[in-house]
């Protein structure tokens, strides 16, 4: 079976994706060269896996199910524009999480050990729950303006949602950007 570019994420409901898209519209009003994420592709990434052999998908799904069966569904509040590494030097522009942040971090952290046992690298950086809105390309102009917009929307409220499952996705390159395919789901059931 071929390699699948894969990641584990939490799906954002339509109302939050719509608000995040509105935020993108505000941030995109700058001259910065940013590849913005299409509204239908907005999600909360838990773990990027990279190119995965299709034969390992059942083992990944089993690991996901095993760790989340003891975790109860929880609420998060999608709130605040930000950037990595920081708002003054944005490379990745995101929407953050306020309420439910610790539960989201716990969800990420419990995935690390079983995925490491399957050969996936442990990320030693502190996980920060975020929804990627866009990636800054080599952009000599507009960065200061983008940084100011990020600061302006640092308290942006995109609403609340319930996290009740995690999803294994593959990313398929298409002409107008990636298309995501669900490979497996694991409901939170603690």
C-alpha atoms as a PDB file:
ATOM      1  CA  UNK A   1       0.000   0.000   0.000  1.00  0.00           C
ATOM      2  CA  UNK A   2       1.239   3.521  -0.723  1.00  0.00           C
ATOM      3  CA  UNK A   3       2.275   6.158   1.786  1.00  0.00           C
ATOM      4  CA  UNK A   4      -0.421   8.436   3.180  1.00  0.00           C
ATOM      5  CA  UNK A   5       0.428  11.904   4.494  1.00  0.00           C
ATOM      6  CA  UNK A   6      -1.450  11.691   7.781  1.00  0.00           C
ATOM      7  CA  UNK A   7      -2.331  13.526  10.949  1.00  0.00           C
ATOM      8  CA  UNK A   8      -4.585  13.138  13.997  1.00  0.00           C
ATOM      9  CA  UNK A   9      -7.009  15.980  14.650  1.00  0.00           C
ATOM     10  CA  UNK A  10     -10.263  17.155  16.131  1.00  0.00           C
ATOM     11  CA  UNK A  11     -12.823  18.265  13.579  1.00  0.00           C
ATOM     12  CA  UNK A  12     -14.136  21.797  13.995  1.00  0.00           C
ATOM     13  CA  UNK A  13     -17.901  22.204  13.562  1.00  0.00           C
ATOM     14  CA  UNK A  14     -19.251  24.442  10.811  1.00  0.00           C
ATOM     15  CA  UNK A  15     -20.035  27.386  13.086  1.00  0.00           C
ATOM     16  CA  UNK A  16     -16.449  27.580  14.351  1.00  0.00           C
ATOM     17  CA  UNK A  17     -15.009  27.063  10.867  1.00  0.00           C
ATOM     18  CA  UNK A  18     -17.219  29.938   9.624  1.00  0.00           C
ATOM     19  CA  UNK A  19     -15.988  32.254  12.390  1.00  0.00           C
ATOM     20  CA  UNK A  20     -12.385  31.195  11.764  1.00  0.00           C
ATOM     21  CA  UNK A  21     -12.886  31.923   8.055  1.00  0.00           C
ATOM     22  CA  UNK A  22     -14.164  35.396   8.994  1.00  0.00           C
ATOM     23  CA  UNK A  23     -11.005  35.867  11.069  1.00  0.00           C
ATOM     24  CA  UNK A  24      -8.932  34.799   8.062  1.00  0.00           C
ATOM     25  CA  UNK A  25     -10.760  37.411   6.002  1.00  0.00           C
ATOM     26  CA  UNK A  26      -9.705  40.096   8.473  1.00  0.00           C
ATOM     27  CA  UNK A  27      -6.099  38.899   8.642  1.00  0.00           C
ATOM     28  CA  UNK A  28      -5.847  38.480   4.872  1.00  0.00           C
ATOM     29  CA  UNK A  29      -6.489  42.201   4.387  1.00  0.00           C
ATOM     30  CA  UNK A  30      -2.714  42.740   4.645  1.00  0.00           C
ATOM     31  CA  UNK A  31      -0.006  42.568   1.990  1.00  0.00           C
ATOM     32  CA  UNK A  32       1.685  39.607   3.696  1.00  0.00           C
ATOM     33  CA  UNK A  33       2.135  36.576   1.459  1.00  0.00           C
ATOM     34  CA  UNK A  34       0.187  33.912   3.355  1.00  0.00           C
ATOM     35  CA  UNK A  35      -1.283  30.630   2.146  1.00  0.00           C
ATOM     36  CA  UNK A  36      -4.609  30.639   3.993  1.00  0.00           C
ATOM     37  CA  UNK A  37      -6.386  27.384   4.866  1.00  0.00           C
ATOM     38  CA  UNK A  38      -9.693  26.751   3.092  1.00  0.00           C
ATOM     39  CA  UNK A  39     -12.700  26.870   5.424  1.00  0.00           C
ATOM     40  CA  UNK A  40     -13.608  23.201   4.848  1.00  0.00           C
ATOM     41  CA  UNK A  41     -10.085  22.145   5.932  1.00  0.00           C
ATOM     42  CA  UNK A  42      -9.956  23.986   9.259  1.00  0.00           C
ATOM     43  CA  UNK A  43      -9.322  21.578  12.167  1.00  0.00           C
ATOM     44  CA  UNK A  44      -7.484  21.248  15.491  1.00  0.00           C
ATOM     45  CA  UNK A  45      -4.257  19.294  14.890  1.00  0.00           C
ATOM     46  CA  UNK A  46      -3.209  16.949  17.695  1.00  0.00           C
ATOM     47  CA  UNK A  47      -0.316  15.143  16.000  1.00  0.00           C
ATOM     48  CA  UNK A  48       1.220  15.313  12.538  1.00  0.00           C
ATOM     49  CA  UNK A  49       2.379  11.824  11.567  1.00  0.00           C
ATOM     50  CA  UNK A  50       3.929  12.477   8.157  1.00  0.00           C
ATOM     51  CA  UNK A  51       3.998   9.832   5.453  1.00  0.00           C
ATOM     52  CA  UNK A  52       2.447   6.676   6.879  1.00  0.00           C
ATOM     53  CA  UNK A  53       2.368   3.235   5.291  1.00  0.00           C
ATOM     54  CA  UNK A  54      -1.286   2.399   4.623  1.00  0.00           C
ATOM     55  CA  UNK A  55      -0.825  -0.987   6.323  1.00  0.00           C
ATOM     56  CA  UNK A  56      -0.145   0.754   9.655  1.00  0.00           C
ATOM     57  CA  UNK A  57      -3.488   2.607   9.683  1.00  0.00           C
ATOM     58  CA  UNK A  58      -5.300  -0.115  11.728  1.00  0.00           C
ATOM     59  CA  UNK A  59      -2.532  -0.045  14.379  1.00  0.00           C
ATOM     60  CA  UNK A  60      -2.700   3.750  14.586  1.00  0.00           C
ATOM     61  CA  UNK A  61      -6.493   3.637  14.936  1.00  0.00           C
ATOM     62  CA  UNK A  62      -6.204   0.971  17.657  1.00  0.00           C
ATOM     63  CA  UNK A  63      -3.694   3.135  19.544  1.00  0.00           C
ATOM     64  CA  UNK A  64      -5.995   6.149  19.240  1.00  0.00           C
ATOM     65  CA  UNK A  65      -8.997   4.184  20.529  1.00  0.00           C
ATOM     66  CA  UNK A  66      -6.997   2.718  23.397  1.00  0.00           C
ATOM     67  CA  UNK A  67      -5.910   6.065  24.797  1.00  0.00           C
ATOM     68  CA  UNK A  68      -9.168   7.982  24.436  1.00  0.00           C
ATOM     69  CA  UNK A  69     -11.505   5.371  25.883  1.00  0.00           C
ATOM     70  CA  UNK A  70     -10.674   6.663  29.363  1.00  0.00           C
ATOM     71  CA  UNK A  71     -11.069  10.346  28.487  1.00  0.00           C
ATOM     72  CA  UNK A  72     -14.427  12.059  28.831  1.00  0.00           C
ATOM     73  CA  UNK A  73     -15.643  14.475  26.157  1.00  0.00           C
ATOM     74  CA  UNK A  74     -14.922  18.095  27.053  1.00  0.00           C
ATOM     75  CA  UNK A  75     -15.759  21.636  25.965  1.00  0.00           C
ATOM     76  CA  UNK A  76     -13.309  24.094  24.453  1.00  0.00           C
ATOM     77  CA  UNK A  77     -13.584  27.757  23.616  1.00  0.00           C
ATOM     78  CA  UNK A  78     -11.960  28.770  20.337  1.00  0.00           C
ATOM     79  CA  UNK A  79     -10.423  32.094  21.137  1.00  0.00           C
ATOM     80  CA  UNK A  80      -7.615  34.395  20.091  1.00  0.00           C
ATOM     81  CA  UNK A  81      -5.469  34.870  17.005  1.00  0.00           C
ATOM     82  CA  UNK A  82      -1.784  34.108  17.429  1.00  0.00           C
ATOM     83  CA  UNK A  83       1.294  32.947  15.545  1.00  0.00           C
ATOM     84  CA  UNK A  84       4.322  30.688  15.760  1.00  0.00           C
ATOM     85  CA  UNK A  85       7.037  31.465  16.660  1.00  0.00           C
ATOM     86  CA  UNK A  86       5.377  34.732  17.778  1.00  0.00           C
ATOM     87  CA  UNK A  87       3.068  37.461  16.482  1.00  0.00           C
ATOM     88  CA  UNK A  88       5.957  39.761  15.523  1.00  0.00           C
ATOM     89  CA  UNK A  89       7.613  37.076  13.365  1.00  0.00           C
ATOM     90  CA  UNK A  90       4.646  35.024  12.174  1.00  0.00           C
ATOM     91  CA  UNK A  91       5.355  31.821  10.238  1.00  0.00           C
ATOM     92  CA  UNK A  92       2.142  29.988  11.136  1.00  0.00           C
ATOM     93  CA  UNK A  93      -0.991  31.980  11.965  1.00  0.00           C
ATOM     94  CA  UNK A  94      -3.522  30.247  14.221  1.00  0.00           C
ATOM     95  CA  UNK A  95      -6.692  30.393  16.281  1.00  0.00           C
ATOM     96  CA  UNK A  96      -6.129  29.332  19.887  1.00  0.00           C
ATOM     97  CA  UNK A  97      -8.024  27.701  22.720  1.00  0.00           C
ATOM     98  CA  UNK A  98      -8.843  29.314  26.066  1.00  0.00           C
ATOM     99  CA  UNK A  99     -11.377  27.226  28.020  1.00  0.00           C
ATOM    100  CA  UNK A 100     -10.565  23.503  27.802  1.00  0.00           C
ATOM    101  CA  UNK A 101      -6.913  24.119  26.977  1.00  0.00           C
ATOM    102  CA  UNK A 102      -5.580  21.761  29.676  1.00  0.00           C
ATOM    103  CA  UNK A 103      -7.905  18.955  28.557  1.00  0.00           C
ATOM    104  CA  UNK A 104      -6.748  19.455  24.966  1.00  0.00           C
ATOM    105  CA  UNK A 105      -3.102  19.266  26.061  1.00  0.00           C
ATOM    106  CA  UNK A 106      -3.855  16.078  28.022  1.00  0.00           C
ATOM    107  CA  UNK A 107      -5.478  14.566  24.923  1.00  0.00           C
ATOM    108  CA  UNK A 108      -2.328  15.304  22.917  1.00  0.00           C
ATOM    109  CA  UNK A 109      -0.001  14.031  25.632  1.00  0.00           C
ATOM    110  CA  UNK A 110      -1.697  10.633  26.063  1.00  0.00           C
ATOM    111  CA  UNK A 111      -1.232   9.969  22.345  1.00  0.00           C
ATOM    112  CA  UNK A 112       2.542  10.404  22.444  1.00  0.00           C
ATOM    113  CA  UNK A 113       3.584   7.135  24.118  1.00  0.00           C
ATOM    114  CA  UNK A 114       1.467   4.680  22.073  1.00  0.00           C
ATOM    115  CA  UNK A 115       2.354   6.483  18.849  1.00  0.00           C
ATOM    116  CA  UNK A 116       6.037   6.438  19.791  1.00  0.00           C
ATOM    117  CA  UNK A 117       5.730   2.673  20.285  1.00  0.00           C
ATOM    118  CA  UNK A 118       4.547   2.538  16.649  1.00  0.00           C
ATOM    119  CA  UNK A 119       7.656   4.423  15.510  1.00  0.00           C
ATOM    120  CA  UNK A 120       6.433   8.023  15.496  1.00  0.00           C
ATOM    121  CA  UNK A 121       8.716  10.695  16.901  1.00  0.00           C
ATOM    122  CA  UNK A 122       7.808  12.247  20.252  1.00  0.00           C
ATOM    123  CA  UNK A 123       7.509  16.016  20.074  1.00  0.00           C
ATOM    124  CA  UNK A 124       9.311  17.414  23.110  1.00  0.00           C
ATOM    125  CA  UNK A 125       7.980  20.939  22.661  1.00  0.00           C
ATOM    126  CA  UNK A 126       5.047  21.920  24.836  1.00  0.00           C
ATOM    127  CA  UNK A 127       1.902  21.296  22.802  1.00  0.00           C
ATOM    128  CA  UNK A 128      -0.193  24.390  22.192  1.00  0.00           C
ATOM    129  CA  UNK A 129      -3.748  23.665  21.008  1.00  0.00           C
ATOM    130  CA  UNK A 130      -4.338  25.605  17.820  1.00  0.00           C
ATOM    131  CA  UNK A 131      -6.177  25.658  14.520  1.00  0.00           C
ATOM    132  CA  UNK A 132      -3.808  26.613  11.710  1.00  0.00           C
ATOM    133  CA  UNK A 133      -5.303  29.477   9.704  1.00  0.00           C
ATOM    134  CA  UNK A 134      -2.409  30.129   7.344  1.00  0.00           C
ATOM    135  CA  UNK A 135       1.288  29.716   6.661  1.00  0.00           C
ATOM    136  CA  UNK A 136       3.410  32.757   5.884  1.00  0.00           C
ATOM    137  CA  UNK A 137       5.440  32.413   2.724  1.00  0.00           C
ATOM    138  CA  UNK A 138       8.582  34.401   2.060  1.00  0.00           C
ATOM    139  CA  UNK A 139       6.975  37.780   2.545  1.00  0.00           C
ATOM    140  CA  UNK A 140       9.203  40.846   2.746  1.00  0.00           C
ATOM    141  CA  UNK A 141       6.218  43.180   2.859  1.00  0.00           C
ATOM    142  CA  UNK A 142       3.137  43.187   5.019  1.00  0.00           C
ATOM    143  CA  UNK A 143       4.596  41.307   8.002  1.00  0.00           C
ATOM    144  CA  UNK A 144       4.359  44.293  10.364  1.00  0.00           C
ATOM    145  CA  UNK A 145       0.791  44.877   9.224  1.00  0.00           C
ATOM    146  CA  UNK A 146      -0.035  41.172   9.723  1.00  0.00           C
ATOM    147  CA  UNK A 147       1.529  41.268  13.207  1.00  0.00           C
ATOM    148  CA  UNK A 148      -0.648  44.282  14.065  1.00  0.00           C
ATOM    149  CA  UNK A 149      -3.769  42.449  12.807  1.00  0.00           C
ATOM    150  CA  UNK A 150      -2.886  39.363  14.881  1.00  0.00           C
ATOM    151  CA  UNK A 151      -2.552  41.600  17.952  1.00  0.00           C
ATOM    152  CA  UNK A 152      -5.858  43.301  17.091  1.00  0.00           C
ATOM    153  CA  UNK A 153      -7.636  39.919  17.052  1.00  0.00           C
ATOM    154  CA  UNK A 154      -5.810  38.393  20.047  1.00  0.00           C
ATOM    155  CA  UNK A 155      -9.145  38.120  21.895  1.00  0.00           C
ATOM    156  CA  UNK A 156     -11.218  36.996  18.897  1.00  0.00           C
ATOM    157  CA  UNK A 157     -14.072  34.726  20.039  1.00  0.00           C
ATOM    158  CA  UNK A 158     -14.972  31.903  17.638  1.00  0.00           C
ATOM    159  CA  UNK A 159     -17.322  30.126  20.045  1.00  0.00           C
ATOM    160  CA  UNK A 160     -17.451  26.895  22.014  1.00  0.00           C
ATOM    161  CA  UNK A 161     -17.507  23.300  20.891  1.00  0.00           C
ATOM    162  CA  UNK A 162     -17.521  19.825  22.373  1.00  0.00           C
ATOM    163  CA  UNK A 163     -14.530  17.570  21.727  1.00  0.00           C
ATOM    164  CA  UNK A 164     -16.002  14.067  21.565  1.00  0.00           C
ATOM    165  CA  UNK A 165     -13.709  12.205  19.123  1.00  0.00           C
ATOM    166  CA  UNK A 166     -10.336  12.296  17.446  1.00  0.00           C
ATOM    167  CA  UNK A 167      -9.870  11.519  13.769  1.00  0.00           C
ATOM    168  CA  UNK A 168      -7.032  10.093  11.714  1.00  0.00           C
ATOM    169  CA  UNK A 169      -6.908  11.964   8.403  1.00  0.00           C
ATOM    170  CA  UNK A 170      -4.877  11.618   5.257  1.00  0.00           C
ATOM    171  CA  UNK A 171      -4.064  14.704   3.227  1.00  0.00           C
ATOM    172  CA  UNK A 172      -4.409  14.288  -0.516  1.00  0.00           C
ATOM    173  CA  UNK A 173      -2.812  16.940  -2.727  1.00  0.00           C
ATOM    174  CA  UNK A 174      -5.193  18.484  -5.208  1.00  0.00           C
ATOM    175  CA  UNK A 175      -4.918  21.372  -7.619  1.00  0.00           C
ATOM    176  CA  UNK A 176      -6.533  23.962  -5.344  1.00  0.00           C
ATOM    177  CA  UNK A 177      -5.061  22.667  -2.078  1.00  0.00           C
ATOM    178  CA  UNK A 178      -5.252  19.509   0.007  1.00  0.00           C
ATOM    179  CA  UNK A 179      -8.347  17.389   0.462  1.00  0.00           C
ATOM    180  CA  UNK A 180      -8.699  15.491   3.726  1.00  0.00           C
ATOM    181  CA  UNK A 181      -9.934  11.915   3.916  1.00  0.00           C
ATOM    182  CA  UNK A 182     -11.013  10.269   7.183  1.00  0.00           C
ATOM    183  CA  UNK A 183      -9.070   7.051   7.813  1.00  0.00           C
ATOM    184  CA  UNK A 184     -10.430   6.337  11.289  1.00  0.00           C
ATOM    185  CA  UNK A 185     -12.282   7.764  14.280  1.00  0.00           C
ATOM    186  CA  UNK A 186     -11.872   7.221  18.002  1.00  0.00           C
ATOM    187  CA  UNK A 187     -14.665   8.489  20.297  1.00  0.00           C
ATOM    188  CA  UNK A 188     -13.852   9.844  23.746  1.00  0.00           C
ATOM    189  CA  UNK A 189     -15.749   7.654  26.186  1.00  0.00           C
ATOM    190  CA  UNK A 190     -14.372   8.154  29.681  1.00  0.00           C
END
